[in-house]
PDB file of N, CA and C in Angstrom:
ATOM      1  N   MET A   1      93.323  77.860 135.713  1.00  0.00           N
ATOM      2  CA  MET A   1      92.635  77.601 134.730  1.00  0.00           C
ATOM      3  C   MET A   1      91.946  76.094 135.113  1.00  0.00           C
ATOM      4  N   SER A   2      90.589  76.137 135.485  1.00  0.00           N
ATOM      5  CA  SER A   2      90.096  74.638 135.598  1.00  0.00           C
ATOM      6  C   SER A   2      89.985  74.011 134.164  1.00  0.00           C
ATOM      7  N   GLU A   3      90.197  72.753 134.287  1.00  0.00           N
ATOM      8  CA  GLU A   3      90.028  71.915 133.254  1.00  0.00           C
ATOM      9  C   GLU A   3      88.314  72.317 132.816  1.00  0.00           C
ATOM     10  N   GLN A   4      88.180  71.934 131.529  1.00  0.00           N
ATOM     11  CA  GLN A   4      86.414  71.972 131.457  1.00  0.00           C
ATOM     12  C   GLN A   4      86.342  71.030 130.114  1.00  0.00           C
ATOM     13  N   PRO A   5      85.332  70.323 129.671  1.00  0.00           N
ATOM     14  CA  PRO A   5      85.572  69.325 128.461  1.00  0.00           C
ATOM     15  C   PRO A   5      85.678  70.161 127.258  1.00  0.00           C
ATOM     16  N   GLY A   6      86.648  69.557 126.524  1.00  0.00           N
ATOM     17  CA  GLY A   6      87.204  70.114 125.494  1.00  0.00           C
ATOM     18  C   GLY A   6      88.291  71.088 125.297  1.00  0.00           C
ATOM     19  N   HIS A   7      88.727  71.560 126.716  1.00  0.00           N
ATOM     20  CA  HIS A   7      89.545  72.254 126.650  1.00  0.00           C
ATOM     21  C   HIS A   7      91.026  71.507 127.089  1.00  0.00           C
ATOM     22  N   ASN A   8      92.430  71.791 126.671  1.00  0.00           N
ATOM     23  CA  ASN A   8      93.456  71.429 127.024  1.00  0.00           C
ATOM     24  C   ASN A   8      93.932  72.506 128.272  1.00  0.00           C
ATOM     25  N   SER A   9      95.449  71.641 128.541  1.00  0.00           N
ATOM     26  CA  SER A   9      96.077  72.525 129.314  1.00  0.00           C
ATOM     27  C   SER A   9      96.133  73.685 129.310  1.00  0.00           C
ATOM     28  N   GLN A  10      96.631  74.524 130.407  1.00  0.00           N
ATOM     29  CA  GLN A  10      97.217  75.969 130.069  1.00  0.00           C
ATOM     30  C   GLN A  10      98.414  76.090 129.040  1.00  0.00           C
ATOM     31  N   GLY A  11      99.352  75.244 129.256  1.00  0.00           N
ATOM     32  CA  GLY A  11     100.843  75.250 128.010  1.00  0.00           C
ATOM     33  C   GLY A  11      99.935  75.115 127.108  1.00  0.00           C
ATOM     34  N   GLN A  12      98.996  74.443 126.527  1.00  0.00           N
ATOM     35  CA  GLN A  12      98.625  73.892 125.088  1.00  0.00           C
ATOM     36  C   GLN A  12      98.012  75.575 124.861  1.00  0.00           C
ATOM     37  N   LEU A  13      97.501  76.106 125.850  1.00  0.00           N
ATOM     38  CA  LEU A  13      96.663  77.611 125.283  1.00  0.00           C
ATOM     39  C   LEU A  13      97.744  78.308 125.060  1.00  0.00           C
ATOM     40  N   LYS A  14      98.569  78.701 125.593  1.00  0.00           N
ATOM     41  CA  LYS A  14      99.951  79.537 125.586  1.00  0.00           C
ATOM     42  C   LYS A  14     100.436  79.405 124.243  1.00  0.00           C
ATOM     43  N   SER A  15     100.819  78.052 124.187  1.00  0.00           N
ATOM     44  CA  SER A  15     101.528  77.898 122.978  1.00  0.00           C
ATOM     45  C   SER A  15     100.437  78.455 121.139  1.00  0.00           C
ATOM     46  N   LEU A  16      99.336  77.779 121.648  1.00  0.00           N
ATOM     47  CA  LEU A  16      98.410  78.359 120.562  1.00  0.00           C
ATOM     48  C   LEU A  16      98.222  79.748 120.208  1.00  0.00           C
ATOM     49  N   VAL A  17      98.382  80.619 121.438  1.00  0.00           N
ATOM     50  CA  VAL A  17      98.229  82.000 121.463  1.00  0.00           C
ATOM     51  C   VAL A  17      99.317  82.465 120.874  1.00  0.00           C
ATOM     52  N   GLU A  18     100.993  81.863 121.145  1.00  0.00           N
ATOM     53  CA  GLU A  18     102.228  82.273 120.756  1.00  0.00           C
ATOM     54  C   GLU A  18     102.167  81.913 119.190  1.00  0.00           C
ATOM     55  N   ARG A  19     101.986  80.893 118.804  1.00  0.00           N
ATOM     56  CA  ARG A  19     101.592  80.631 117.229  1.00  0.00           C
ATOM     57  C   ARG A  19     100.800  81.540 116.601  1.00  0.00           C
ATOM     58  N   ILE A  20      99.472  81.686 116.902  1.00  0.00           N
ATOM     59  CA  ILE A  20      98.840  82.810 116.191  1.00  0.00           C
ATOM     60  C   ILE A  20      99.259  84.146 115.959  1.00  0.00           C
ATOM     61  N   ASN A  21      99.872  84.628 117.214  1.00  0.00           N
ATOM     62  CA  ASN A  21     100.580  86.021 116.997  1.00  0.00           C
ATOM     63  C   ASN A  21     101.894  85.863 116.512  1.00  0.00           C
ATOM     64  N   ARG A  22     102.670  84.570 116.459  1.00  0.00           N
ATOM     65  CA  ARG A  22     103.657  84.856 115.324  1.00  0.00           C
ATOM     66  C   ARG A  22     103.468  84.802 113.728  1.00  0.00           C
ATOM     67  N   LEU A  23     101.762  84.080 113.550  1.00  0.00           N
ATOM     68  CA  LEU A  23     101.539  84.039 111.948  1.00  0.00           C
ATOM     69  C   LEU A  23     101.226  85.689 112.119  1.00  0.00           C
ATOM     70  N   MET A  24     100.764  85.871 113.023  1.00  0.00           N
ATOM     71  CA  MET A  24      99.872  87.358 112.342  1.00  0.00           C
ATOM     72  C   MET A  24     101.138  88.274 112.182  1.00  0.00           C
ATOM     73  N   ASP A  25     102.083  88.318 112.973  1.00  0.00           N
ATOM     74  CA  ASP A  25     103.452  89.193 112.890  1.00  0.00           C
ATOM     75  C   ASP A  25     103.900  88.952 111.423  1.00  0.00           C
ATOM     76  N   ASP A  26     104.068  87.591 111.037  1.00  0.00           N
ATOM     77  CA  ASP A  26     104.731  87.489 109.641  1.00  0.00           C
ATOM     78  C   ASP A  26     103.521  87.587 108.491  1.00  0.00           C
ATOM     79  N   ARG A  27     102.070  87.901 108.662  1.00  0.00           N
ATOM     80  CA  ARG A  27     101.411  88.637 107.861  1.00  0.00           C
ATOM     81  C   ARG A  27     101.468  89.881 108.031  1.00  0.00           C
ATOM     82  N   ASP A  28     101.973  90.897 108.948  1.00  0.00           N
ATOM     83  CA  ASP A  28     101.888  92.098 109.039  1.00  0.00           C
ATOM     84  C   ASP A  28     103.073  92.064 107.746  1.00  0.00           C
ATOM     85  N   GLU A  29     104.389  91.471 108.403  1.00  0.00           N
ATOM     86  CA  GLU A  29     105.406  91.595 107.649  1.00  0.00           C
ATOM     87  C   GLU A  29     105.569  91.489 106.007  1.00  0.00           C
ATOM     88  N   ILE A  30     104.584  90.624 105.458  1.00  0.00           N
ATOM     89  CA  ILE A  30     104.192  90.089 104.100  1.00  0.00           C
ATOM     90  C   ILE A  30     103.416  91.070 103.439  1.00  0.00           C
ATOM     91  N   SER A  31     102.268  91.745 104.180  1.00  0.00           N
ATOM     92  CA  SER A  31     101.553  92.509 103.772  1.00  0.00           C
ATOM     93  C   SER A  31     102.548  94.028 103.258  1.00  0.00           C
ATOM     94  N   SER A  32     103.240  94.166 104.553  1.00  0.00           N
ATOM     95  CA  SER A  32     104.209  95.210 104.212  1.00  0.00           C
ATOM     96  C   SER A  32     105.245  95.171 103.090  1.00  0.00           C
ATOM     97  N   ASP A  33     105.737  94.194 102.721  1.00  0.00           N
ATOM     98  CA  ASP A  33     106.371  93.584 101.582  1.00  0.00           C
ATOM     99  C   ASP A  33     105.500  93.951 100.535  1.00  0.00           C
ATOM    100  N   ILE A  34     104.186  93.439 100.421  1.00  0.00           N
ATOM    101  CA  ILE A  34     103.509  93.252  99.298  1.00  0.00           C
ATOM    102  C   ILE A  34     102.751  94.885  98.912  1.00  0.00           C
ATOM    103  N   ARG A  35     102.809  95.863  99.861  1.00  0.00           N
ATOM    104  CA  ARG A  35     102.639  97.300  99.669  1.00  0.00           C
ATOM    105  C   ARG A  35     103.888  98.058  99.215  1.00  0.00           C
ATOM    106  N   ASP A  36     105.294  97.227  99.724  1.00  0.00           N
ATOM    107  CA  ASP A  36     106.112  97.902  98.973  1.00  0.00           C
ATOM    108  C   ASP A  36     106.377  97.892  97.335  1.00  0.00           C
ATOM    109  N   ILE A  37     106.110  96.740  97.317  1.00  0.00           N
ATOM    110  CA  ILE A  37     106.150  95.966  95.625  1.00  0.00           C
ATOM    111  C   ILE A  37     105.298  96.876  94.879  1.00  0.00           C
ATOM    112  N   PHE A  38     104.148  97.168  95.406  1.00  0.00           N
ATOM    113  CA  PHE A  38     102.992  98.180  94.520  1.00  0.00           C
ATOM    114  C   PHE A  38     103.378  99.337  94.584  1.00  0.00           C
ATOM    115  N   ALA A  39     104.050 100.004  95.503  1.00  0.00           N
ATOM    116  CA  ALA A  39     104.623 101.234  95.685  1.00  0.00           C
ATOM    117  C   ALA A  39     105.558 101.273  94.146  1.00  0.00           C
ATOM    118  N   GLU A  40     106.742 100.443  94.276  1.00  0.00           N
ATOM    119  CA  GLU A  40     107.705 100.205  93.106  1.00  0.00           C
ATOM    120  C   GLU A  40     106.648 100.590  91.619  1.00  0.00           C
ATOM    121  N   ALA A  41     105.738  99.218  91.838  1.00  0.00           N
ATOM    122  CA  ALA A  41     105.343  99.264  90.194  1.00  0.00           C
ATOM    123  C   ALA A  41     104.585 100.632  90.158  1.00  0.00           C
ATOM    124  N   LYS A  42     104.027 101.449  91.202  1.00  0.00           N
ATOM    125  CA  LYS A  42     103.403 102.579  90.572  1.00  0.00           C
ATOM    126  C   LYS A  42     104.219 103.831  90.559  1.00  0.00           C
ATOM    127  N   SER A  43     105.770 103.742  91.265  1.00  0.00           N
ATOM    128  CA  SER A  43     106.764 104.380  90.795  1.00  0.00           C
ATOM    129  C   SER A  43     107.572 104.517  89.153  1.00  0.00           C
ATOM    130  N   GLU A  44     106.870 103.132  88.589  1.00  0.00           N
ATOM    131  CA  GLU A  44     107.778 102.737  87.415  1.00  0.00           C
ATOM    132  C   GLU A  44     106.311 102.749  86.644  1.00  0.00           C
ATOM    133  N   GLY A  45     105.278 103.474  87.004  1.00  0.00           N
ATOM    134  CA  GLY A  45     104.218 103.784  85.891  1.00  0.00           C
ATOM    135  C   GLY A  45     102.911 102.710  85.836  1.00  0.00           C
ATOM    136  N   TYR A  46     103.281 101.778  86.487  1.00  0.00           N
ATOM    137  CA  TYR A  46     102.339 100.668  86.292  1.00  0.00           C
ATOM    138  C   TYR A  46     100.563 101.428  86.837  1.00  0.00           C
ATOM    139  N   ASP A  47      99.486 100.855  86.576  1.00  0.00           N
ATOM    140  CA  ASP A  47      98.722 101.303  87.212  1.00  0.00           C
ATOM    141  C   ASP A  47      97.965 100.061  87.745  1.00  0.00           C
ATOM    142  N   ILE A  48      98.079 100.365  88.853  1.00  0.00           N
ATOM    143  CA  ILE A  48      98.021  99.491  90.308  1.00  0.00           C
ATOM    144  C   ILE A  48      96.090  98.682  89.964  1.00  0.00           C
ATOM    145  N   PRO A  49      95.128  99.426  89.896  1.00  0.00           N
ATOM    146  CA  PRO A  49      93.987  98.830  89.811  1.00  0.00           C
ATOM    147  C   PRO A  49      94.482  97.753  88.857  1.00  0.00           C
ATOM    148  N   ALA A  50      94.723  97.888  87.347  1.00  0.00           N
ATOM    149  CA  ALA A  50      94.945  96.951  86.667  1.00  0.00           C
ATOM    150  C   ALA A  50      95.999  96.035  87.006  1.00  0.00           C
ATOM    151  N   LEU A  51      96.610  95.959  87.543  1.00  0.00           N
ATOM    152  CA  LEU A  51      97.485  94.980  88.379  1.00  0.00           C
ATOM    153  C   LEU A  51      96.970  94.134  89.254  1.00  0.00           C
ATOM    154  N   ARG A  52      96.283  94.923  89.886  1.00  0.00           N
ATOM    155  CA  ARG A  52      95.631  94.322  91.024  1.00  0.00           C
ATOM    156  C   ARG A  52      94.749  93.007  90.469  1.00  0.00           C
ATOM    157  N   ALA A  53      94.077  93.746  89.220  1.00  0.00           N
ATOM    158  CA  ALA A  53      92.829  92.927  88.749  1.00  0.00           C
ATOM    159  C   ALA A  53      93.577  91.399  88.107  1.00  0.00           C
ATOM    160  N   ILE A  54      94.725  91.871  87.805  1.00  0.00           N
ATOM    161  CA  ILE A  54      95.460  90.743  87.123  1.00  0.00           C
ATOM    162  C   ILE A  54      95.716  89.601  87.887  1.00  0.00           C
ATOM    163  N   ILE A  55      96.197  89.822  88.961  1.00  0.00           N
ATOM    164  CA  ILE A  55      96.948  89.307  90.153  1.00  0.00           C
ATOM    165  C   ILE A  55      95.781  88.521  90.784  1.00  0.00           C
ATOM    166  N   ARG A  56      94.535  89.107  90.761  1.00  0.00           N
ATOM    167  CA  ARG A  56      93.432  88.390  91.568  1.00  0.00           C
ATOM    168  C   ARG A  56      92.821  87.448  90.711  1.00  0.00           C
ATOM    169  N   ALA A  57      92.898  87.765  89.226  1.00  0.00           N
ATOM    170  CA  ALA A  57      92.787  86.606  88.376  1.00  0.00           C
ATOM    171  C   ALA A  57      93.492  85.560  88.146  1.00  0.00           C
ATOM    172  N   GLN A  58      94.761  85.749  88.275  1.00  0.00           N
ATOM    173  CA  GLN A  58      95.605  84.896  88.298  1.00  0.00           C
ATOM    174  C   GLN A  58      95.470  83.827  89.180  1.00  0.00           C
ATOM    175  N   ARG A  59      95.002  83.998  90.477  1.00  0.00           N
ATOM    176  CA  ARG A  59      95.024  83.465  91.928  1.00  0.00           C
ATOM    177  C   ARG A  59      93.858  82.914  91.982  1.00  0.00           C
ATOM    178  N   GLU A  60      92.592  83.358  90.879  1.00  0.00           N
ATOM    179  CA  GLU A  60      91.302  82.796  91.102  1.00  0.00           C
ATOM    180  C   GLU A  60      91.130  81.125  90.174  1.00  0.00           C
ATOM    181  N   ASN A  61      89.994  80.546  90.797  1.00  0.00           N
ATOM    182  CA  ASN A  61      90.165  79.138  90.078  1.00  0.00           C
ATOM    183  C   ASN A  61      89.789  79.733  88.858  1.00  0.00           C
ATOM    184  N   ALA A  62      90.004  78.805  87.510  1.00  0.00           N
ATOM    185  CA  ALA A  62      89.954  79.211  85.838  1.00  0.00           C
ATOM    186  C   ALA A  62      88.495  79.278  85.717  1.00  0.00           C
ATOM    187  N   GLU A  63      87.862  78.619  86.104  1.00  0.00           N
ATOM    188  CA  GLU A  63      86.429  78.270  86.019  1.00  0.00           C
ATOM    189  C   GLU A  63      85.800  79.126  86.545  1.00  0.00           C
ATOM    190  N   LYS A  64      86.136  79.872  87.621  1.00  0.00           N
ATOM    191  CA  LYS A  64      85.449  80.765  88.571  1.00  0.00           C
ATOM    192  C   LYS A  64      85.654  81.844  87.971  1.00  0.00           C
ATOM    193  N   ARG A  65      86.859  81.994  87.171  1.00  0.00           N
ATOM    194  CA  ARG A  65      87.016  83.131  86.329  1.00  0.00           C
ATOM    195  C   ARG A  65      86.536  83.195  85.237  1.00  0.00           C
ATOM    196  N   ARG A  66      86.566  82.446  84.302  1.00  0.00           N
ATOM    197  CA  ARG A  66      85.739  82.500  83.005  1.00  0.00           C
ATOM    198  C   ARG A  66      84.174  82.572  83.315  1.00  0.00           C
ATOM    199  N   ASN A  67      83.800  82.310  84.321  1.00  0.00           N
ATOM    200  CA  ASN A  67      82.256  82.692  84.743  1.00  0.00           C
ATOM    201  C   ASN A  67      82.183  84.039  84.660  1.00  0.00           C
ATOM    202  N   ARG A  68      83.133  84.395  85.544  1.00  0.00           N
ATOM    203  CA  ARG A  68      83.154  86.265  86.005  1.00  0.00           C
ATOM    204  C   ARG A  68      83.082  86.701  84.709  1.00  0.00           C
ATOM    205  N   GLU A  69      83.992  86.577  83.996  1.00  0.00           N
ATOM    206  CA  GLU A  69      84.450  87.046  82.805  1.00  0.00           C
ATOM    207  C   GLU A  69      83.125  87.107  81.737  1.00  0.00           C
ATOM    208  N   ALA A  70      82.310  85.842  81.669  1.00  0.00           N
ATOM    209  CA  ALA A  70      81.259  85.983  80.862  1.00  0.00           C
ATOM    210  C   ALA A  70      80.134  86.871  81.267  1.00  0.00           C
ATOM    211  N   MET A  71      79.819  86.623  82.679  1.00  0.00           N
ATOM    212  CA  MET A  71      78.737  87.674  83.455  1.00  0.00           C
ATOM    213  C   MET A  71      79.275  89.215  82.836  1.00  0.00           C
ATOM    214  N   ILE A  72      80.423  89.517  83.251  1.00  0.00           N
ATOM    215  CA  ILE A  72      80.835  90.716  82.704  1.00  0.00           C
ATOM    216  C   ILE A  72      80.523  90.919  81.386  1.00  0.00           C
ATOM    217  N   ASP A  73      80.659  90.335  80.271  1.00  0.00           N
ATOM    218  CA  ASP A  73      80.682  90.767  78.845  1.00  0.00           C
ATOM    219  C   ASP A  73      79.130  90.846  78.802  1.00  0.00           C
ATOM    220  N   LEU A  74      78.260  89.335  79.611  1.00  0.00           N
ATOM    221  CA  LEU A  74      76.889  89.572  79.294  1.00  0.00           C
ATOM    222  C   LEU A  74      76.473  91.179  79.337  1.00  0.00           C
ATOM    223  N   TYR A  75      76.650  91.494  80.715  1.00  0.00           N
ATOM    224  CA  TYR A  75      76.488  92.831  81.275  1.00  0.00           C
ATOM    225  C   TYR A  75      76.684  94.075  80.579  1.00  0.00           C
ATOM    226  N   ARG A  76      77.938  93.918  79.960  1.00  0.00           N
ATOM    227  CA  ARG A  76      78.475  95.102  79.023  1.00  0.00           C
ATOM    228  C   ARG A  76      77.820  95.298  77.829  1.00  0.00           C
ATOM    229  N   GLY A  77      77.232  94.166  77.279  1.00  0.00           N
ATOM    230  CA  GLY A  77      76.633  94.053  76.088  1.00  0.00           C
ATOM    231  C   GLY A  77      75.100  94.700  76.670  1.00  0.00           C
ATOM    232  N   GLU A  78      74.569  93.959  77.538  1.00  0.00           N
ATOM    233  CA  GLU A  78      73.332  94.678  78.167  1.00  0.00           C
ATOM    234  C   GLU A  78      72.952  95.990  78.309  1.00  0.00           C
ATOM    235  N   LEU A  79      74.405  96.551  78.719  1.00  0.00           N
ATOM    236  CA  LEU A  79      74.148  98.302  78.832  1.00  0.00           C
ATOM    237  C   LEU A  79      75.088  98.968  77.723  1.00  0.00           C
ATOM    238  N   GLY A  80      75.684  98.200  76.887  1.00  0.00           N
ATOM    239  CA  GLY A  80      75.691  99.023  75.331  1.00  0.00           C
ATOM    240  C   GLY A  80      77.373  99.421  75.938  1.00  0.00           C
ATOM    241  N   ILE A  81      77.789  98.588  76.848  1.00  0.00           N
ATOM    242  CA  ILE A  81      79.474  99.166  76.858  1.00  0.00           C
ATOM    243  C   ILE A  81      80.330  98.387  76.151  1.00  0.00           C
ATOM    244  N   ASP A  82      81.087  99.280  74.954  1.00  0.00           N
ATOM    245  CA  ASP A  82      82.108  98.479  74.109  1.00  0.00           C
ATOM    246  C   ASP A  82      83.321  97.745  75.103  1.00  0.00           C
TER     247      ASP A  82
END
């Protein structure tokens, strides 16, 4: 590999690739753990879409969540949905 402007050594490239691969493996493991927890919740009778909505809302910025919920309420009112 020849040196090009903006590029570092082959050792640095290898290190970057290894770190990315390690994090991707960790992500896959965590995703599997999350799926297992959702499966457990489902087996206990919890509604998974509702649970996902609650988790998404908790992780969302409070102001953004209020704005989205206000728009949903507005749209429901316009459509006559209780």
